[in-house]
Amino acid sequence: MLLVATWVLLAAGSFRCVSQAISPAARPVRIFVTDARLDRLPLYAAAIRVRQEISPTIWFVTGSPFADRRLAVLTDGAAQMTMFSRAGVDAAVLTPEWLTFGLPRLSKMIAGARFYSLSASLLDNAGQTIGHPFMVRRSGTAVVSAAGIALDSGDVLNHLAGVRYAAPGLAAGKAMALMRQRADLVGVMVEPHSSGSAWGADFTVNMDTSGVFAMTPSSDRARVNCYDVSADAGRLTARAVNLDQVKPDLDMARLLDSIRSAADSVAARSIPLPRSLWTPERLSVRLVEGLLTAGLADGFLCDSLFVADFQEPKDVGALVTLLRDPGRLAILKVQGDVLSGWPEELALRQGLSRSRLSRGLTYRVATTVEYLQRHPGIALPGFELSSRPFWTICQDILESGEVK
């Protein structure tokens, strides 16, 4: 009897060892890559969480999370950052598009997020990365590290005051050297899509390089690309996850609905209607005069700010859809001798005229980022973005009932 009892105890201990050996924490990490569409996030979160019960996971997101401009503007970027944090995203690449919120706002959002905003090639004046140069995470049997590289796309936002662009190769090389000291498996996430060098990484995301495994998300929006990393972190095997039978995560779906409802509530806030129909020209004049009177700038560039079929500003939502770029105002500092030769649509504050501009003085000119993107020649390095979203400034001017 004693022999049988001993055998049972030994067997039970063996079963516990086997159970521990195959527990999820001891399995190889699986890396998932998805696009950044908010409407798909509840579905992606559900698919990934199911697989977290089987093995450890790391979730990379590619593309711009702020593609929904109206939601990004009405929440000042908070909606996207909240969704990513609550969904369990591990890392996303910080691209120049994120700079449309201005550096102070962007820094605050990054600090409050529960995921890595990877940016090894966007630097501030002190040479420090804007965001996180790379992430390091122990997951399963390996320590995984990834850096984010934003390729120079010629975006005018790279000329923002306090921002400079580092050459991708140098930025990646510096990050790779540091990651190799900390991780078993290192990778590089690149935005936008590129076919450039892999910079010696074990894996890449958003690259299509001959002879190098590329973790490029499927063009099929209904799929998530899943990648298994072997226990020795030396091999990657692509496996696509079919989402046809996956139901969206209810908590994430409710969160998205609540965020959209809150944004709709803001958009439904009434702006007093004018007594007569407003033409685009009249609205443009009212807003520009209000901006200049408020002392925000000495001049304003506005040639096609509103859509042609505009009739009247019924509410904030309508106003937001009218603004070609409803982000922040771009403030440029221009000397008088240069400003005198600028386009005819330049409106100057009261008391200034082109003939009265002092050649040696510097003037502040406001415009939209959208205008600068259409006229990159005037996007002088070192321009700033207003601290407030443009649409809130416009709302104040219209609600005041008079030019401020």
Protein backbone atom coordinates (compact mmCIF):
# COMPACT_ATOMS: atom_id res chain seq x y z
CA MET A 1 0.00 0.00 0.00
CA LEU A 2 2.84 2.35 0.86
CA LEU A 3 4.46 1.61 -2.50
CA VAL A 4 1.24 2.46 -4.36
CA ALA A 5 0.82 5.71 -2.42
CA THR A 6 4.38 6.68 -3.18
CA TRP A 7 3.87 5.98 -6.87
CA VAL A 8 0.69 8.11 -6.91
CA LEU A 9 2.48 11.03 -5.26
CA LEU A 10 5.37 10.81 -7.70
CA ALA A 11 2.99 10.66 -10.63
CA ALA A 12 1.08 13.68 -9.37
CA GLY A 13 4.35 15.58 -9.05
CA SER A 14 5.27 14.60 -12.60
CA PHE A 15 1.94 15.84 -13.90
CA ARG A 16 2.50 19.17 -12.16
CA CYS A 17 5.91 19.46 -13.82
CA VAL A 18 4.42 18.68 -17.21
CA SER A 19 1.67 21.22 -16.61
CA GLN A 20 4.23 23.86 -15.73
CA ALA A 21 6.34 22.98 -18.74
CA ILE A 22 3.51 23.60 -21.16
CA SER A 23 1.93 26.56 -19.38
CA PRO A 24 1.30 29.63 -21.55
CA ALA A 25 4.10 31.59 -19.86
CA ALA A 26 6.62 28.97 -20.93
CA ARG A 27 5.55 28.87 -24.56
CA PRO A 28 7.19 30.84 -27.38
CA VAL A 29 5.87 34.38 -27.84
CA ARG A 30 3.54 35.08 -30.75
CA ILE A 31 3.74 38.45 -32.48
CA PHE A 32 0.60 39.92 -34.02
CA VAL A 33 0.53 42.77 -36.54
CA THR A 34 -2.70 44.62 -37.31
CA ASP A 35 -3.71 47.85 -39.00
CA ALA A 36 -4.79 50.86 -36.92
CA ARG A 37 -8.51 51.01 -37.82
CA LEU A 38 -10.50 51.86 -34.70
CA ASP A 39 -13.64 50.12 -35.97
CA ARG A 40 -11.66 46.86 -36.22
CA LEU A 41 -9.93 47.18 -32.86
CA PRO A 42 -12.62 45.29 -30.85
CA LEU A 43 -12.30 42.39 -33.29
CA TYR A 44 -8.51 42.36 -33.20
CA ALA A 45 -8.50 42.53 -29.39
CA ALA A 46 -10.84 39.54 -29.16
CA ALA A 47 -8.72 37.42 -31.51
CA ILE A 48 -5.49 38.23 -29.69
CA ARG A 49 -6.87 37.73 -26.17
CA VAL A 50 -8.09 34.25 -27.06
CA ARG A 51 -4.55 33.34 -28.09
CA GLN A 52 -3.06 34.90 -24.97
CA GLU A 53 -4.60 32.00 -23.08
CA ILE A 54 -2.51 29.62 -25.19
CA SER A 55 0.82 31.45 -25.40
CA PRO A 56 2.31 34.90 -24.70
CA THR A 57 1.59 37.58 -27.28
CA ILE A 58 2.97 40.92 -28.47
CA TRP A 59 0.73 43.21 -30.51
CA PHE A 60 2.19 45.67 -33.03
CA VAL A 61 -0.02 48.20 -34.82
CA THR A 62 0.91 49.73 -38.17
CA GLY A 63 -0.49 52.74 -39.98
CA SER A 64 -1.89 55.99 -38.60
CA PRO A 65 -4.28 55.65 -35.64
CA PHE A 66 -5.56 59.16 -36.40
CA ALA A 67 -7.03 58.37 -39.81
CA ASP A 68 -10.48 59.22 -38.43
CA ARG A 69 -9.79 62.95 -38.52
CA ARG A 70 -13.15 64.02 -37.11
CA LEU A 71 -12.82 61.80 -34.04
CA ALA A 72 -9.16 62.77 -33.61
CA VAL A 73 -10.04 66.47 -33.76
CA LEU A 74 -13.09 66.38 -31.50
CA THR A 75 -11.21 64.41 -28.81
CA ASP A 76 -7.83 66.05 -29.48
CA GLY A 77 -6.30 62.62 -30.08
CA ALA A 78 -7.51 61.14 -26.78
CA ALA A 79 -9.93 58.67 -28.37
CA GLN A 80 -7.27 56.78 -30.31
CA MET A 81 -4.79 56.68 -27.44
CA THR A 82 -7.47 55.43 -25.04
CA MET A 83 -8.60 52.71 -27.43
CA PHE A 84 -5.06 51.44 -28.00
CA SER A 85 -4.30 51.45 -24.28
CA ARG A 86 -7.45 49.60 -23.29
CA ALA A 87 -7.18 47.09 -26.13
CA GLY A 88 -3.75 45.91 -24.99
CA VAL A 89 -1.65 47.17 -27.92
CA ASP A 90 2.07 46.84 -27.16
CA ALA A 91 3.60 49.25 -29.66
CA ALA A 92 2.91 51.54 -32.63
CA VAL A 93 5.25 53.68 -34.72
CA LEU A 94 5.10 57.41 -34.08
CA THR A 95 5.00 59.07 -37.51
CA PRO A 96 5.04 62.78 -38.49
CA GLU A 97 1.22 62.72 -38.62
CA TRP A 98 1.21 62.51 -34.82
CA LEU A 99 2.85 65.93 -34.73
CA THR A 100 -0.37 67.60 -35.90
CA PHE A 101 -1.35 67.82 -32.21
CA GLY A 102 1.71 69.91 -31.37
CA LEU A 103 4.62 68.80 -29.19
CA PRO A 104 3.15 69.68 -25.75
CA ARG A 105 -0.09 67.79 -26.45
CA LEU A 106 1.73 64.88 -28.08
CA SER A 107 4.13 64.52 -25.14
CA LYS A 108 1.19 64.43 -22.74
CA MET A 109 -0.60 61.75 -24.77
CA ILE A 110 2.51 59.57 -25.00
CA ALA A 111 3.15 59.84 -21.26
CA GLY A 112 -0.41 58.76 -20.46
CA ALA A 113 -0.58 55.85 -22.91
CA ARG A 114 -0.13 52.23 -21.83
CA PHE A 115 1.72 51.24 -25.01
CA TYR A 116 5.02 52.16 -26.65
CA SER A 117 4.97 55.03 -29.13
CA LEU A 118 8.09 54.01 -31.05
CA SER A 119 10.18 56.75 -32.61
CA ALA A 120 13.94 56.45 -33.02
CA SER A 121 14.21 58.94 -35.90
CA LEU A 122 12.13 61.91 -34.70
CA LEU A 123 14.18 64.00 -32.27
CA ASP A 124 13.71 67.16 -30.24
CA ASN A 125 16.16 70.07 -30.05
CA ALA A 126 18.13 68.27 -27.32
CA GLY A 127 18.59 65.22 -29.54
CA GLN A 128 16.21 63.10 -27.47
CA THR A 129 13.63 60.94 -29.20
CA ILE A 130 10.05 62.15 -29.34
CA GLY A 131 8.35 59.06 -27.95
CA HIS A 132 10.15 55.81 -27.13
CA PRO A 133 13.26 54.88 -29.17
CA PHE A 134 12.50 51.18 -28.65
CA MET A 135 10.58 48.74 -26.47
CA VAL A 136 11.95 45.79 -24.49
CA ARG A 137 9.56 43.14 -23.20
CA ARG A 138 10.02 39.68 -21.73
CA SER A 139 7.31 37.50 -23.14
CA GLY A 140 7.34 33.75 -22.88
CA THR A 141 10.75 32.24 -23.42
CA ALA A 142 12.33 35.27 -25.06
CA VAL A 143 13.08 38.92 -24.46
CA VAL A 144 11.79 40.82 -27.49
CA SER A 145 12.78 44.34 -28.48
CA ALA A 146 11.58 46.55 -31.33
CA ALA A 147 12.45 50.06 -32.54
CA GLY A 148 10.30 52.43 -34.56
CA ILE A 149 11.59 54.32 -37.60
CA ALA A 150 9.61 57.03 -39.40
CA LEU A 151 11.00 57.43 -42.90
CA ASP A 152 11.52 60.95 -44.22
CA SER A 153 8.46 61.48 -46.37
CA GLY A 154 9.02 65.19 -46.95
CA ASP A 155 6.10 65.97 -44.62
CA VAL A 156 6.06 69.66 -43.71
CA LEU A 157 5.41 68.65 -40.10
CA ASN A 158 9.08 67.70 -39.86
CA HIS A 159 9.76 71.47 -39.93
CA LEU A 160 7.99 72.04 -36.62
CA ALA A 161 9.89 74.07 -34.04
CA GLY A 162 11.68 71.67 -31.72
CA VAL A 163 11.62 68.73 -34.13
CA ARG A 164 14.36 67.36 -36.32
CA TYR A 165 14.62 64.26 -38.42
CA ALA A 166 17.48 61.76 -37.97
CA ALA A 167 18.66 59.63 -40.90
CA PRO A 168 16.89 56.24 -40.68
CA GLY A 169 20.09 54.21 -40.94
CA LEU A 170 21.81 56.10 -38.12
CA ALA A 171 18.73 56.03 -35.89
CA ALA A 172 18.17 52.32 -36.47
CA GLY A 173 21.84 51.50 -35.95
CA LYS A 174 21.95 53.29 -32.61
CA ALA A 175 18.74 51.61 -31.45
CA MET A 176 19.90 48.19 -32.64
CA ALA A 177 23.15 48.43 -30.66
CA LEU A 178 21.23 49.18 -27.47
CA MET A 179 18.57 46.54 -28.10
CA ARG A 180 21.15 43.79 -28.70
CA GLN A 181 22.40 44.37 -25.16
CA ARG A 182 18.95 43.83 -23.71
CA ALA A 183 17.03 41.32 -25.85
CA ASP A 184 17.25 37.91 -27.52
CA LEU A 185 15.18 38.96 -30.53
CA VAL A 186 15.29 42.48 -32.01
CA GLY A 187 13.19 44.01 -34.75
CA VAL A 188 12.43 47.25 -36.53
CA MET A 189 9.00 48.71 -37.31
CA VAL A 190 9.04 51.15 -40.22
CA GLU A 191 6.46 53.67 -41.43
CA PRO A 192 5.55 54.16 -44.18
CA HIS A 193 5.98 50.89 -46.07
CA SER A 194 9.52 50.52 -47.31
CA SER A 195 11.76 48.15 -49.24
CA GLY A 196 14.94 49.47 -47.67
CA SER A 197 17.61 47.77 -45.62
CA ALA A 198 16.65 45.69 -42.58
CA TRP A 199 19.60 47.23 -40.68
CA GLY A 200 20.60 43.81 -39.32
CA ALA A 201 17.33 43.17 -37.49
CA ASP A 202 15.99 39.68 -36.74
CA PHE A 203 12.58 40.73 -38.01
CA THR A 204 11.01 43.76 -39.62
CA VAL A 205 7.50 45.17 -39.81
CA ASN A 206 6.30 47.06 -42.89
CA MET A 207 9.27 46.09 -45.01
CA ASP A 208 9.51 43.96 -48.11
CA THR A 209 13.19 43.11 -48.27
CA SER A 210 14.58 40.29 -50.39
CA GLY A 211 15.94 37.50 -48.21
CA VAL A 212 14.58 38.97 -44.98
CA PHE A 213 11.38 37.83 -43.30
CA ALA A 214 8.90 40.69 -43.59
CA MET A 215 6.02 41.02 -41.15
CA THR A 216 3.92 43.03 -43.56
CA PRO A 217 0.22 43.01 -42.63
CA SER A 218 -2.11 41.40 -45.11
CA SER A 219 -3.85 43.70 -47.57
CA ASP A 220 -7.02 41.81 -46.62
CA ARG A 221 -8.58 44.00 -43.93
CA ALA A 222 -10.51 41.03 -42.54
CA ARG A 223 -7.37 39.24 -41.38
CA VAL A 224 -4.75 39.59 -38.69
CA ASN A 225 -1.23 38.34 -39.35
CA CYS A 226 0.08 36.10 -36.58
CA TYR A 227 3.72 35.23 -36.16
CA ASP A 228 5.14 32.48 -33.92
CA VAL A 229 8.61 33.03 -32.51
CA SER A 230 10.47 29.82 -31.65
CA ALA A 231 11.82 29.23 -28.17
CA ASP A 232 15.37 30.04 -29.23
CA ALA A 233 14.18 33.27 -30.91
CA GLY A 234 15.85 32.27 -34.15
CA ARG A 235 12.99 31.53 -36.52
CA LEU A 236 9.71 33.19 -37.53
CA THR A 237 6.73 31.43 -39.05
CA ALA A 238 3.84 33.46 -40.49
CA ARG A 239 0.33 32.33 -39.72
CA ALA A 240 -2.74 34.33 -40.64
CA VAL A 241 -5.63 34.34 -38.17
CA ASN A 242 -9.06 34.03 -39.75
CA LEU A 243 -11.45 36.47 -38.09
CA ASP A 244 -14.61 35.19 -39.75
CA GLN A 245 -15.77 33.36 -36.61
CA VAL A 246 -14.45 35.88 -34.08
CA LYS A 247 -16.89 38.07 -32.17
CA PRO A 248 -15.76 41.59 -31.20
CA ASP A 249 -14.61 42.14 -27.63
CA LEU A 250 -17.68 43.56 -25.87
CA ASP A 251 -15.77 45.88 -23.53
CA MET A 252 -13.83 47.38 -26.43
CA ALA A 253 -16.99 47.71 -28.55
CA ARG A 254 -18.76 49.52 -25.68
CA LEU A 255 -15.78 51.82 -25.19
CA LEU A 256 -15.72 52.73 -28.88
CA ASP A 257 -19.47 53.41 -28.82
CA SER A 258 -19.14 55.63 -25.75
CA ILE A 259 -16.27 57.60 -27.29
CA ARG A 260 -18.23 58.15 -30.49
CA SER A 261 -21.33 59.17 -28.54
CA ALA A 262 -19.31 61.70 -26.54
CA ALA A 263 -17.80 63.09 -29.75
CA ASP A 264 -21.25 63.33 -31.32
CA SER A 265 -22.44 65.21 -28.25
CA VAL A 266 -19.64 67.74 -28.68
CA ALA A 267 -20.39 67.99 -32.39
CA ALA A 268 -24.06 68.62 -31.70
CA ARG A 269 -23.36 71.67 -29.54
CA SER A 270 -25.12 74.56 -31.23
CA ILE A 271 -23.43 77.57 -32.77
CA PRO A 272 -25.88 80.50 -33.05
CA LEU A 273 -27.24 80.60 -36.58
CA PRO A 274 -26.83 83.81 -38.56
CA ARG A 275 -29.97 85.63 -39.63
CA SER A 276 -29.11 85.11 -43.27
CA LEU A 277 -27.25 82.42 -45.19
CA TRP A 278 -23.49 82.64 -45.00
CA THR A 279 -21.34 82.20 -48.05
CA PRO A 280 -17.94 80.54 -47.71
CA GLU A 281 -16.34 83.93 -48.34
CA ARG A 282 -18.28 85.61 -45.53
CA LEU A 283 -17.47 82.87 -43.02
CA SER A 284 -13.82 82.96 -44.05
CA VAL A 285 -13.65 86.73 -43.57
CA ARG A 286 -15.34 86.50 -40.15
CA LEU A 287 -12.93 83.85 -38.86
CA VAL A 288 -9.80 85.50 -40.24
CA GLU A 289 -10.79 88.89 -38.80
CA GLY A 290 -11.47 87.24 -35.45
CA LEU A 291 -8.10 85.52 -35.41
CA LEU A 292 -6.21 88.69 -36.28
CA THR A 293 -8.19 90.86 -33.84
CA ALA A 294 -7.47 88.37 -31.06
CA GLY A 295 -3.77 88.96 -31.64
CA LEU A 296 -2.96 85.35 -32.47
CA ALA A 297 -0.98 86.45 -35.51
CA ASP A 298 -0.07 89.45 -37.65
CA GLY A 299 -1.39 87.81 -40.79
CA PHE A 300 -3.37 84.84 -42.04
CA LEU A 301 -3.14 82.74 -45.22
CA CYS A 302 -6.47 81.28 -46.29
CA ASP A 303 -7.22 80.61 -49.95
CA SER A 304 -9.58 77.62 -49.94
CA LEU A 305 -10.27 76.80 -46.33
CA PHE A 306 -13.92 75.84 -46.79
CA VAL A 307 -15.85 73.61 -49.14
CA ALA A 308 -17.74 75.33 -51.96
CA ASP A 309 -21.21 74.09 -50.99
CA PHE A 310 -21.13 75.60 -47.49
CA GLN A 311 -24.32 77.44 -46.57
CA GLU A 312 -24.38 78.04 -42.82
CA PRO A 313 -22.56 76.81 -39.68
CA LYS A 314 -25.35 74.76 -38.08
CA ASP A 315 -23.23 73.08 -35.43
CA VAL A 316 -19.71 72.16 -34.44
CA GLY A 317 -19.87 68.97 -36.46
CA ALA A 318 -20.68 70.91 -39.62
CA LEU A 319 -17.91 73.37 -38.87
CA VAL A 320 -15.36 70.59 -38.41
CA THR A 321 -16.27 69.02 -41.75
CA LEU A 322 -15.80 72.40 -43.41
CA LEU A 323 -12.24 72.87 -42.27
CA ARG A 324 -9.83 71.21 -44.66
CA ASP A 325 -7.37 70.68 -41.82
CA PRO A 326 -9.19 71.11 -38.51
CA GLY A 327 -6.04 70.58 -36.45
CA ARG A 328 -4.00 73.41 -35.05
CA LEU A 329 -2.98 76.66 -36.65
CA ALA A 330 0.52 76.72 -38.07
CA ILE A 331 2.36 79.86 -36.95
CA LEU A 332 5.28 80.92 -39.14
CA LYS A 333 7.79 83.67 -38.35
CA VAL A 334 8.59 85.59 -41.52
CA GLN A 335 10.65 88.71 -42.10
CA GLY A 336 8.95 91.70 -43.69
CA ASP A 337 11.02 91.71 -46.88
CA VAL A 338 9.95 88.09 -47.55
CA LEU A 339 6.34 88.63 -46.50
CA SER A 340 5.78 91.47 -48.95
CA GLY A 341 6.06 89.01 -51.85
CA TRP A 342 3.67 86.37 -50.43
CA PRO A 343 0.36 85.32 -52.10
CA GLU A 344 -2.51 87.76 -52.45
CA GLU A 345 -4.69 85.77 -50.02
CA LEU A 346 -2.47 86.95 -47.16
CA ALA A 347 -4.67 89.02 -44.83
CA LEU A 348 -2.90 91.39 -42.42
CA ARG A 349 -4.14 92.71 -39.09
CA GLN A 350 -5.52 96.22 -38.83
CA GLY A 351 -2.79 98.83 -39.08
CA LEU A 352 -0.58 96.71 -41.32
CA SER A 353 -0.32 96.71 -45.10
CA ARG A 354 2.21 95.33 -47.53
CA SER A 355 3.57 98.82 -48.07
CA ARG A 356 4.03 99.31 -44.31
CA LEU A 357 5.91 96.09 -43.56
CA SER A 358 9.35 96.72 -42.05
CA ARG A 359 11.98 94.75 -43.92
CA GLY A 360 14.02 93.94 -40.81
CA LEU A 361 11.12 92.95 -38.53
CA THR A 362 9.75 89.44 -38.07
CA TYR A 363 5.99 88.91 -38.33
CA ARG A 364 3.83 85.98 -37.19
CA VAL A 365 1.67 84.50 -39.96
CA ALA A 366 -0.99 81.88 -39.24
CA THR A 367 -2.28 79.31 -41.70
CA THR A 368 -3.33 75.66 -41.71
CA VAL A 369 -1.10 72.62 -42.05
CA GLU A 370 -3.19 71.69 -45.07
CA TYR A 371 -2.19 74.98 -46.75
CA LEU A 372 1.48 74.31 -46.04
CA GLN A 373 1.20 70.82 -47.50
CA ARG A 374 -0.17 72.32 -50.71
CA HIS A 375 2.47 75.06 -50.70
CA PRO A 376 5.55 73.41 -49.13
CA GLY A 377 7.80 76.20 -50.39
CA ILE A 378 6.63 78.51 -47.59
CA ALA A 379 6.86 75.86 -44.86
CA LEU A 380 9.98 77.41 -43.39
CA PRO A 381 11.82 75.27 -40.83
CA GLY A 382 10.89 76.21 -37.30
CA PHE A 383 7.17 76.95 -37.49
CA GLU A 384 4.94 76.32 -34.46
CA LEU A 385 1.44 74.94 -33.92
CA SER A 386 -1.17 76.69 -31.80
CA SER A 387 -1.86 75.12 -28.40
CA ARG A 388 -5.60 74.88 -29.13
CA PRO A 389 -7.33 72.97 -31.94
CA PHE A 390 -8.31 75.30 -34.76
CA TRP A 391 -12.01 74.41 -34.63
CA THR A 392 -12.33 75.50 -30.98
CA ILE A 393 -10.92 78.91 -31.88
CA CYS A 394 -13.40 79.16 -34.76
CA GLN A 395 -16.23 78.11 -32.45
CA ASP A 396 -15.40 80.87 -29.97
CA ILE A 397 -15.35 83.50 -32.71
CA LEU A 398 -18.72 82.40 -34.13
CA GLU A 399 -20.40 82.00 -30.74
CA SER A 400 -19.27 85.43 -29.62
CA GLY A 401 -21.72 87.00 -32.07
CA GLU A 402 -19.10 89.51 -33.00
CA VAL A 403 -15.49 89.69 -34.10
CA LYS A 404 -13.20 89.26 -31.12
